[in-house]
């Protein structure tokens, strides 16, 4: 019993959104047994236009969020996997080519792949940036043989193409500092949308081709998958807050009241506003006032049409558009808007579904990023521990390194 308890590990994902902050704790016994223990959400403060406006307020908000999920689950954690929204990230493609050997040919090893990847990353990142993720697209051997994994092939030179997700180093350091100020360590930093795909999209769908659409508060992230790898990442400057602001401005309401109406009465349907009847009673200081449903529908549809125009342009403009054999998966708070799936299906002309749960995880589209971040925390720690738990694994690691060096120089 004690051995079983000792093997149980807990990991926390912290999704830093500009509107809401979400934390989740995942219990990991092994890779096939991951259980979501709890989630917690608070309104983000200390942010202004995706930048820190008050680090003390932000640190307090992080502390409340993480402590909230700890109190909810009864689990104490010391470190988090920090998730960034697309507001912090930039996509860039880069490539590099290196000789494998001065003369003759050699068998390509993992050492060679790391070497050419490092060269491509060096050429593709600016001085003020750091790489959050790098996704290999392909490797080409001697200009003719293209492969996703060329390990074991023979050649004279190797070329690689990478898709990079970068962030400003100072912004990342300030976010990390806020987490430290809140009393927690940062295990690593990841893209929240990519983490969401880990629990919302099946591996089989990624292999056949699909896209994840993460509709956040101020930005929508699109991740295209083909052959099991990330082939393209795009960002749309639109989120659920745009609908809230449209309702508030057109109906002369406060943001909080408009947000409440959006959650309870907004529908992203193509129903003619004039066909709607009835009124919504809204509570104000002097009592309740009626608001026509037709007016709410008009305010919502104007912004939804704006979003669909942007989404159609990005999806159909991607070189992977014709490879979306498994359609589109949507997650994020904005995906919960009633009628959104049907509108996207009709505009993009492909199947659309809500992000599904991974077995063992009681997932929801709204918390997919924070849950995925917790899972990534576990997988990263597991990967780091491989080869150092037992003498045999350590020996195998040394032998493998020696073989790679021999292949490199002899």
Protein backbone atom coordinates (compact mmCIF):
# COMPACT_ATOMS: atom_id res chain seq x y z
CA UNK A 1 0.00 0.00 0.00
CA UNK A 2 2.78 2.41 0.92
CA UNK A 3 4.62 1.54 -2.29
CA UNK A 4 1.50 2.29 -4.31
CA UNK A 5 1.09 5.66 -2.61
CA UNK A 6 4.75 6.50 -3.16
CA UNK A 7 4.36 5.89 -6.91
CA UNK A 8 1.43 8.30 -7.20
CA UNK A 9 2.50 11.73 -8.43
CA UNK A 10 0.61 14.98 -8.74
CA UNK A 11 1.16 17.67 -11.38
CA UNK A 12 -0.31 21.14 -11.76
CA UNK A 13 -1.01 23.02 -14.97
CA UNK A 14 -1.47 26.81 -14.80
CA UNK A 15 -3.10 28.39 -17.85
CA UNK A 16 -2.40 32.13 -17.81
CA UNK A 17 -5.21 33.72 -19.78
CA UNK A 18 -5.63 37.46 -20.11
CA UNK A 19 -9.27 37.19 -18.98
CA UNK A 20 -9.35 34.13 -16.73
CA UNK A 21 -6.66 32.04 -15.05
CA UNK A 22 -7.17 28.30 -14.72
CA UNK A 23 -5.30 25.67 -12.72
CA UNK A 24 -5.72 21.90 -12.67
CA UNK A 25 -4.12 19.05 -10.75
CA UNK A 26 -3.55 15.72 -12.44
CA UNK A 27 -2.77 12.48 -10.60
CA UNK A 28 -0.32 10.28 -12.51
CA UNK A 29 0.36 6.65 -11.62
CA UNK A 30 1.62 5.83 -15.12
CA UNK A 31 1.12 7.13 -18.65
CA UNK A 32 -2.10 5.17 -19.10
CA UNK A 33 -3.60 6.14 -15.74
CA UNK A 34 -3.96 9.90 -15.55
CA UNK A 35 -6.82 11.27 -13.49
CA UNK A 36 -8.07 14.83 -13.25
CA UNK A 37 -8.53 15.60 -9.57
CA UNK A 38 -9.81 19.15 -9.82
CA UNK A 39 -9.81 22.49 -11.62
CA UNK A 40 -10.11 26.05 -10.40
CA UNK A 41 -10.70 29.35 -12.20
CA UNK A 42 -10.36 33.01 -11.24
CA UNK A 43 -10.61 36.32 -13.06
CA UNK A 44 -7.15 37.44 -14.22
CA UNK A 45 -5.80 40.67 -12.77
CA UNK A 46 -2.44 42.37 -13.25
CA UNK A 47 -2.69 42.06 -17.04
CA UNK A 48 -3.26 44.78 -19.60
CA UNK A 49 -3.25 43.92 -23.32
CA UNK A 50 -1.38 40.65 -22.68
CA UNK A 51 1.36 42.42 -20.72
CA UNK A 52 1.92 42.61 -16.98
CA UNK A 53 0.56 45.87 -15.59
CA UNK A 54 1.04 45.02 -11.91
CA UNK A 55 3.24 42.08 -10.96
CA UNK A 56 2.04 42.12 -7.34
CA UNK A 57 -1.59 41.81 -8.40
CA UNK A 58 -0.67 39.07 -10.87
CA UNK A 59 1.30 37.14 -8.24
CA UNK A 60 -1.64 37.37 -5.83
CA UNK A 61 -3.98 36.12 -8.56
CA UNK A 62 -1.68 33.17 -9.32
CA UNK A 63 -1.50 32.35 -5.62
CA UNK A 64 -5.29 32.41 -5.26
CA UNK A 65 -5.74 30.21 -8.33
CA UNK A 66 -3.22 27.53 -7.38
CA UNK A 67 -4.22 27.55 -3.72
CA UNK A 68 -7.84 27.27 -4.84
CA UNK A 69 -7.22 24.03 -6.72
CA UNK A 70 -5.05 22.71 -3.87
CA UNK A 71 -7.81 23.34 -1.34
CA UNK A 72 -10.35 21.78 -3.69
CA UNK A 73 -8.31 18.59 -4.15
CA UNK A 74 -6.48 18.44 -0.81
CA UNK A 75 -3.19 18.06 -2.69
CA UNK A 76 -0.17 20.28 -2.05
CA UNK A 77 2.07 21.12 -5.01
CA UNK A 78 5.26 23.15 -5.23
CA UNK A 79 5.74 23.60 -8.99
CA UNK A 80 3.53 24.34 -12.00
CA UNK A 81 3.67 23.88 -15.73
CA UNK A 82 3.13 27.41 -17.04
CA UNK A 83 0.94 27.83 -20.10
CA UNK A 84 1.06 30.84 -22.43
CA UNK A 85 -1.69 31.99 -24.76
CA UNK A 86 -1.10 32.91 -28.37
CA UNK A 87 -0.87 36.58 -27.35
CA UNK A 88 2.72 35.95 -26.25
CA UNK A 89 3.87 33.85 -29.19
CA UNK A 90 5.23 34.29 -32.68
CA UNK A 91 5.48 31.57 -35.32
CA UNK A 92 8.47 31.29 -37.61
CA UNK A 93 9.88 28.74 -40.03
CA UNK A 94 13.58 28.09 -40.23
CA UNK A 95 15.92 25.64 -41.91
CA UNK A 96 19.58 24.63 -41.91
CA UNK A 97 21.89 22.21 -43.68
CA UNK A 98 25.11 20.67 -42.33
CA UNK A 99 27.67 18.18 -43.68
CA UNK A 100 27.64 14.82 -41.95
CA UNK A 101 31.29 14.04 -42.62
CA UNK A 102 34.21 15.63 -44.46
CA UNK A 103 34.45 12.82 -47.00
CA UNK A 104 32.41 9.71 -47.73
CA UNK A 105 29.10 8.86 -46.06
CA UNK A 106 27.93 7.93 -42.58
CA UNK A 107 24.93 6.49 -40.79
CA UNK A 108 22.69 9.29 -39.47
CA UNK A 109 22.30 9.25 -35.70
CA UNK A 110 20.19 11.18 -33.20
CA UNK A 111 23.30 13.25 -32.52
CA UNK A 112 23.21 14.47 -36.15
CA UNK A 113 19.53 15.40 -35.85
CA UNK A 114 20.17 17.38 -32.69
CA UNK A 115 23.10 19.12 -34.37
CA UNK A 116 21.18 20.25 -37.47
CA UNK A 117 18.15 21.20 -35.32
CA UNK A 118 20.38 23.35 -33.12
CA UNK A 119 21.78 25.11 -36.18
CA UNK A 120 18.29 25.81 -37.54
CA UNK A 121 17.12 27.17 -34.19
CA UNK A 122 20.19 29.38 -33.94
CA UNK A 123 19.43 30.88 -37.35
CA UNK A 124 15.69 31.23 -36.69
CA UNK A 125 15.54 33.01 -33.32
CA UNK A 126 16.23 36.66 -32.54
CA UNK A 127 18.41 37.79 -29.64
CA UNK A 128 15.49 39.02 -27.54
CA UNK A 129 13.50 35.80 -28.04
CA UNK A 130 13.45 32.31 -26.61
CA UNK A 131 12.04 29.18 -28.19
CA UNK A 132 8.95 27.77 -26.48
CA UNK A 133 8.43 24.87 -28.93
CA UNK A 134 10.21 23.60 -32.02
CA UNK A 135 8.35 21.25 -34.35
CA UNK A 136 10.47 19.38 -36.95
CA UNK A 137 8.73 19.40 -40.33
CA UNK A 138 11.07 17.22 -42.37
CA UNK A 139 14.67 16.17 -42.91
CA UNK A 140 16.29 15.90 -46.32
CA UNK A 141 19.32 13.71 -47.01
CA UNK A 142 21.65 14.72 -49.87
CA UNK A 143 18.88 16.91 -51.37
CA UNK A 144 16.84 13.89 -52.54
CA UNK A 145 15.64 11.71 -49.66
CA UNK A 146 13.00 13.45 -47.52
CA UNK A 147 12.03 11.82 -44.23
CA UNK A 148 10.34 12.67 -40.94
CA UNK A 149 12.80 10.48 -39.02
CA UNK A 150 15.99 9.75 -41.01
CA UNK A 151 17.84 8.01 -38.15
CA UNK A 152 19.71 5.02 -39.58
CA UNK A 153 19.84 6.30 -43.16
CA UNK A 154 23.17 6.89 -44.94
CA UNK A 155 24.19 10.22 -46.40
CA UNK A 156 26.76 13.01 -46.74
CA UNK A 157 24.71 16.00 -45.63
CA UNK A 158 21.40 16.63 -43.91
CA UNK A 159 18.91 19.49 -44.11
CA UNK A 160 16.06 20.19 -41.69
CA UNK A 161 12.99 22.41 -41.59
CA UNK A 162 11.55 23.54 -38.25
CA UNK A 163 8.42 25.39 -37.18
CA UNK A 164 9.30 27.55 -34.18
CA UNK A 165 7.07 29.10 -31.54
CA UNK A 166 8.99 31.93 -29.89
CA UNK A 167 8.27 34.43 -27.12
CA UNK A 168 9.95 37.58 -25.90
CA UNK A 169 12.48 36.52 -23.25
CA UNK A 170 11.76 39.43 -20.89
CA UNK A 171 8.00 38.80 -20.95
CA UNK A 172 8.54 35.13 -20.12
CA UNK A 173 10.98 36.02 -17.33
CA UNK A 174 8.49 38.46 -15.83
CA UNK A 175 5.73 35.85 -15.88
CA UNK A 176 8.07 33.34 -14.26
CA UNK A 177 8.99 35.93 -11.64
CA UNK A 178 5.29 36.45 -10.84
CA UNK A 179 4.89 32.69 -10.28
CA UNK A 180 7.94 32.65 -8.01
CA UNK A 181 6.56 35.65 -6.13
CA UNK A 182 3.37 33.66 -5.63
CA UNK A 183 5.42 30.95 -3.91
CA UNK A 184 5.71 28.31 -6.64
CA UNK A 185 8.42 27.00 -8.95
CA UNK A 186 8.03 26.84 -12.73
CA UNK A 187 8.77 23.41 -14.13
CA UNK A 188 8.72 24.67 -17.72
CA UNK A 189 6.81 26.98 -20.06
CA UNK A 190 4.56 25.71 -22.85
CA UNK A 191 1.95 26.91 -25.34
CA UNK A 192 -1.49 26.39 -23.79
CA UNK A 193 -3.13 25.54 -27.12
CA UNK A 194 -0.58 22.82 -27.82
CA UNK A 195 -1.12 21.42 -24.33
CA UNK A 196 -4.88 21.39 -24.95
CA UNK A 197 -4.38 19.30 -28.08
CA UNK A 198 -2.70 16.64 -25.95
CA UNK A 199 -5.98 15.84 -24.20
CA UNK A 200 -8.55 17.07 -26.73
CA UNK A 201 -7.33 15.44 -29.97
CA UNK A 202 -6.74 11.72 -30.53
CA UNK A 203 -3.38 10.56 -31.89
CA UNK A 204 -5.18 8.84 -34.76
CA UNK A 205 -6.83 12.13 -35.77
CA UNK A 206 -3.47 13.92 -35.65
CA UNK A 207 -2.00 11.29 -37.95
CA UNK A 208 -4.85 11.53 -40.48
CA UNK A 209 -4.99 15.32 -40.38
CA UNK A 210 -7.06 17.75 -38.32
CA UNK A 211 -6.98 21.21 -36.75
CA UNK A 212 -7.45 22.38 -33.17
CA UNK A 213 -9.17 25.75 -32.72
CA UNK A 214 -8.69 27.20 -29.23
CA UNK A 215 -11.06 30.16 -28.80
CA UNK A 216 -9.74 32.27 -25.94
CA UNK A 217 -10.82 35.57 -24.49
CA UNK A 218 -8.83 37.83 -26.83
CA UNK A 219 -7.13 35.52 -29.30
CA UNK A 220 -7.94 32.31 -31.15
CA UNK A 221 -5.16 29.79 -31.80
CA UNK A 222 -5.18 27.29 -34.66
CA UNK A 223 -2.92 24.23 -34.70
CA UNK A 224 -2.87 22.05 -37.82
CA UNK A 225 -1.79 18.40 -37.54
CA UNK A 226 -0.67 16.04 -40.29
CA UNK A 227 1.14 12.71 -39.97
CA UNK A 228 1.08 13.11 -36.21
CA UNK A 229 3.12 16.33 -36.17
CA UNK A 230 2.31 20.03 -35.88
CA UNK A 231 2.46 21.35 -39.43
CA UNK A 232 1.17 24.89 -38.98
CA UNK A 233 0.21 27.32 -36.19
CA UNK A 234 -1.81 30.48 -36.75
CA UNK A 235 -3.34 33.14 -34.50
CA UNK A 236 -6.50 35.19 -35.00
CA UNK A 237 -6.88 38.46 -33.02
CA UNK A 238 -10.41 37.59 -31.91
CA UNK A 239 -11.89 36.00 -28.80
CA UNK A 240 -14.98 35.66 -26.65
CA UNK A 241 -14.43 39.11 -25.12
CA UNK A 242 -15.28 40.65 -28.49
CA UNK A 243 -18.81 39.28 -28.18
CA UNK A 244 -19.06 40.61 -24.62
CA UNK A 245 -17.90 44.07 -25.68
CA UNK A 246 -20.31 44.13 -28.61
CA UNK A 247 -23.25 43.35 -26.29
CA UNK A 248 -22.09 45.95 -23.77
CA UNK A 249 -21.65 48.74 -26.35
CA UNK A 250 -24.78 48.09 -28.40
CA UNK A 251 -27.06 47.67 -25.37
CA UNK A 252 -25.36 50.21 -23.07
CA UNK A 253 -24.55 47.62 -20.40
CA UNK A 254 -21.60 47.05 -18.09
CA UNK A 255 -19.01 44.47 -19.11
CA UNK A 256 -19.95 42.16 -16.23
CA UNK A 257 -23.63 42.29 -17.13
CA UNK A 258 -22.88 41.76 -20.83
CA UNK A 259 -20.74 38.73 -19.93
CA UNK A 260 -23.61 37.25 -17.94
CA UNK A 261 -26.03 37.78 -20.83
CA UNK A 262 -23.55 36.19 -23.25
CA UNK A 263 -23.28 33.06 -21.10
CA UNK A 264 -27.02 32.66 -20.53
CA UNK A 265 -28.78 34.07 -23.60
CA UNK A 266 -26.31 34.53 -26.49
CA UNK A 267 -26.69 32.17 -29.45
CA UNK A 268 -24.35 32.04 -32.45
CA UNK A 269 -27.12 31.04 -34.85
CA UNK A 270 -28.12 32.39 -38.23
CA UNK A 271 -31.65 33.03 -37.08
CA UNK A 272 -33.01 36.26 -38.45
CA UNK A 273 -33.04 38.67 -35.46
CA UNK A 274 -36.46 39.94 -36.54
CA UNK A 275 -37.88 36.43 -36.12
CA UNK A 276 -36.99 36.44 -32.41
CA UNK A 277 -39.55 37.57 -29.94
CA UNK A 278 -39.58 38.18 -26.24
CA UNK A 279 -37.48 40.12 -23.80
CA UNK A 280 -34.75 39.48 -21.23
CA UNK A 281 -35.10 41.05 -17.79
CA UNK A 282 -31.83 42.60 -16.68
CA UNK A 283 -31.24 43.65 -13.10
CA UNK A 284 -29.95 47.18 -12.53
CA UNK A 285 -29.64 49.47 -9.54
CA UNK A 286 -33.18 50.80 -9.89
CA UNK A 287 -34.73 47.40 -10.61
CA UNK A 288 -35.22 45.17 -13.64
CA UNK A 289 -35.33 46.48 -17.18
CA UNK A 290 -36.35 44.56 -20.34
CA UNK A 291 -33.95 44.00 -23.26
CA UNK A 292 -35.21 42.66 -26.58
CA UNK A 293 -33.78 39.28 -27.61
CA UNK A 294 -33.57 40.65 -31.14
CA UNK A 295 -31.02 43.25 -29.98
CA UNK A 296 -28.87 40.61 -28.23
CA UNK A 297 -28.92 38.44 -31.35
CA UNK A 298 -27.83 41.33 -33.56
CA UNK A 299 -24.93 42.22 -31.25
CA UNK A 300 -23.73 38.60 -31.13
CA UNK A 301 -24.11 37.80 -34.82
CA UNK A 302 -22.16 40.85 -35.92
CA UNK A 303 -19.09 39.64 -34.01
CA UNK A 304 -19.58 35.96 -34.91
CA UNK A 305 -19.62 36.87 -38.59
CA UNK A 306 -16.41 38.83 -38.08
CA UNK A 307 -14.82 35.78 -36.42
CA UNK A 308 -15.98 33.38 -39.14
CA UNK A 309 -14.50 35.60 -41.83
CA UNK A 310 -11.10 35.55 -40.10
CA UNK A 311 -11.32 31.81 -39.42
CA UNK A 312 -12.23 30.95 -42.99
CA UNK A 313 -9.34 33.03 -44.33
CA UNK A 314 -6.80 31.34 -42.04
CA UNK A 315 -8.06 27.77 -42.42
CA UNK A 316 -8.50 27.85 -46.18
CA UNK A 317 -5.25 29.79 -46.54
CA UNK A 318 -3.21 27.09 -44.80
CA UNK A 319 -1.38 24.61 -46.99
CA UNK A 320 -2.88 21.85 -44.81
CA UNK A 321 -6.51 22.82 -45.46
CA UNK A 322 -7.06 19.93 -47.90
CA UNK A 323 -5.58 17.50 -45.38
CA UNK A 324 -8.21 18.08 -42.68
CA UNK A 325 -9.53 14.53 -43.03
CA UNK A 326 -10.76 14.48 -39.42
CA UNK A 327 -12.11 18.03 -39.43
CA UNK A 328 -11.79 20.62 -36.68
CA UNK A 329 -11.76 20.25 -32.89
CA UNK A 330 -12.69 23.33 -30.84
CA UNK A 331 -11.79 24.08 -27.23
CA UNK A 332 -11.57 27.16 -25.00
CA UNK A 333 -14.19 29.27 -23.28
CA UNK A 334 -15.44 30.73 -26.57
CA UNK A 335 -16.24 27.26 -27.90
CA UNK A 336 -19.10 26.95 -25.38
CA UNK A 337 -21.18 29.60 -27.16
CA UNK A 338 -24.36 27.90 -28.31
CA UNK A 339 -24.50 27.39 -32.07
CA UNK A 340 -20.77 28.01 -32.64
CA UNK A 341 -20.09 24.48 -33.90
CA UNK A 342 -22.87 24.63 -36.48
CA UNK A 343 -21.79 28.05 -37.76
CA UNK A 344 -18.16 26.95 -38.17
CA UNK A 345 -19.20 23.71 -39.92
CA UNK A 346 -21.28 25.60 -42.43
CA UNK A 347 -18.66 28.26 -43.16
CA UNK A 348 -15.57 26.00 -43.38
CA UNK A 349 -17.47 23.08 -44.93
CA UNK A 350 -15.92 20.42 -42.70
CA UNK A 351 -16.88 18.46 -39.60
CA UNK A 352 -16.48 20.29 -36.27
CA UNK A 353 -16.68 18.78 -32.79
CA UNK A 354 -16.03 19.80 -29.21
CA UNK A 355 -12.72 18.68 -27.71
CA UNK A 356 -13.13 15.12 -26.40
CA UNK A 357 -11.69 13.73 -23.19
CA UNK A 358 -8.68 11.48 -23.09
CA UNK A 359 -9.44 8.18 -21.30
CA UNK A 360 -8.95 8.70 -17.56
CA UNK A 361 -9.47 12.46 -17.73
CA UNK A 362 -12.83 14.05 -17.08
CA UNK A 363 -12.01 16.74 -19.59
CA UNK A 364 -14.00 19.77 -20.68
CA UNK A 365 -13.26 22.14 -23.54
CA UNK A 366 -12.93 25.08 -21.20
CA UNK A 367 -10.16 23.52 -19.08
CA UNK A 368 -8.38 21.56 -21.81
CA UNK A 369 -5.27 23.75 -21.71
CA UNK A 370 -4.71 23.56 -17.94
CA UNK A 371 -5.37 19.80 -17.91
CA UNK A 372 -3.01 19.28 -20.83
CA UNK A 373 -0.35 21.35 -19.09
CA UNK A 374 -0.56 19.08 -16.05
CA UNK A 375 -0.17 16.04 -18.28
CA UNK A 376 2.80 17.60 -20.10
CA UNK A 377 4.40 18.25 -16.68
CA UNK A 378 4.15 14.52 -15.95
CA UNK A 379 5.43 13.41 -19.36
CA UNK A 380 8.38 15.80 -19.18
CA UNK A 381 9.40 14.55 -15.75
CA UNK A 382 9.05 10.97 -16.93
CA UNK A 383 11.24 11.64 -19.96
CA UNK A 384 13.90 13.29 -17.80
CA UNK A 385 13.94 10.29 -15.46
CA UNK A 386 14.50 7.71 -18.21
CA UNK A 387 18.00 6.26 -18.03
CA UNK A 388 18.82 7.32 -14.48
CA UNK A 389 16.46 5.21 -12.37
CA UNK A 390 18.41 1.95 -12.61
CA UNK A 391 22.08 1.07 -13.28
CA UNK A 392 21.04 -0.86 -16.39
CA UNK A 393 19.27 2.12 -17.94
CA UNK A 394 22.19 4.38 -17.06
CA UNK A 395 24.61 1.91 -18.67
CA UNK A 396 22.50 1.73 -21.82
CA UNK A 397 22.50 5.52 -22.00
CA UNK A 398 26.32 5.63 -21.76
CA UNK A 399 26.73 2.91 -24.41
CA UNK A 400 24.36 4.74 -26.74
CA UNK A 401 26.29 8.01 -26.30
CA UNK A 402 29.60 6.27 -27.05
CA UNK A 403 28.16 4.72 -30.19
CA UNK A 404 26.96 8.11 -31.40
CA UNK A 405 30.39 9.64 -30.82
CA UNK A 406 32.05 6.77 -32.70
CA UNK A 407 29.68 7.28 -35.62
CA UNK A 408 30.41 11.00 -35.59
CA UNK A 409 34.21 10.80 -35.70
CA UNK A 410 34.92 7.41 -37.26
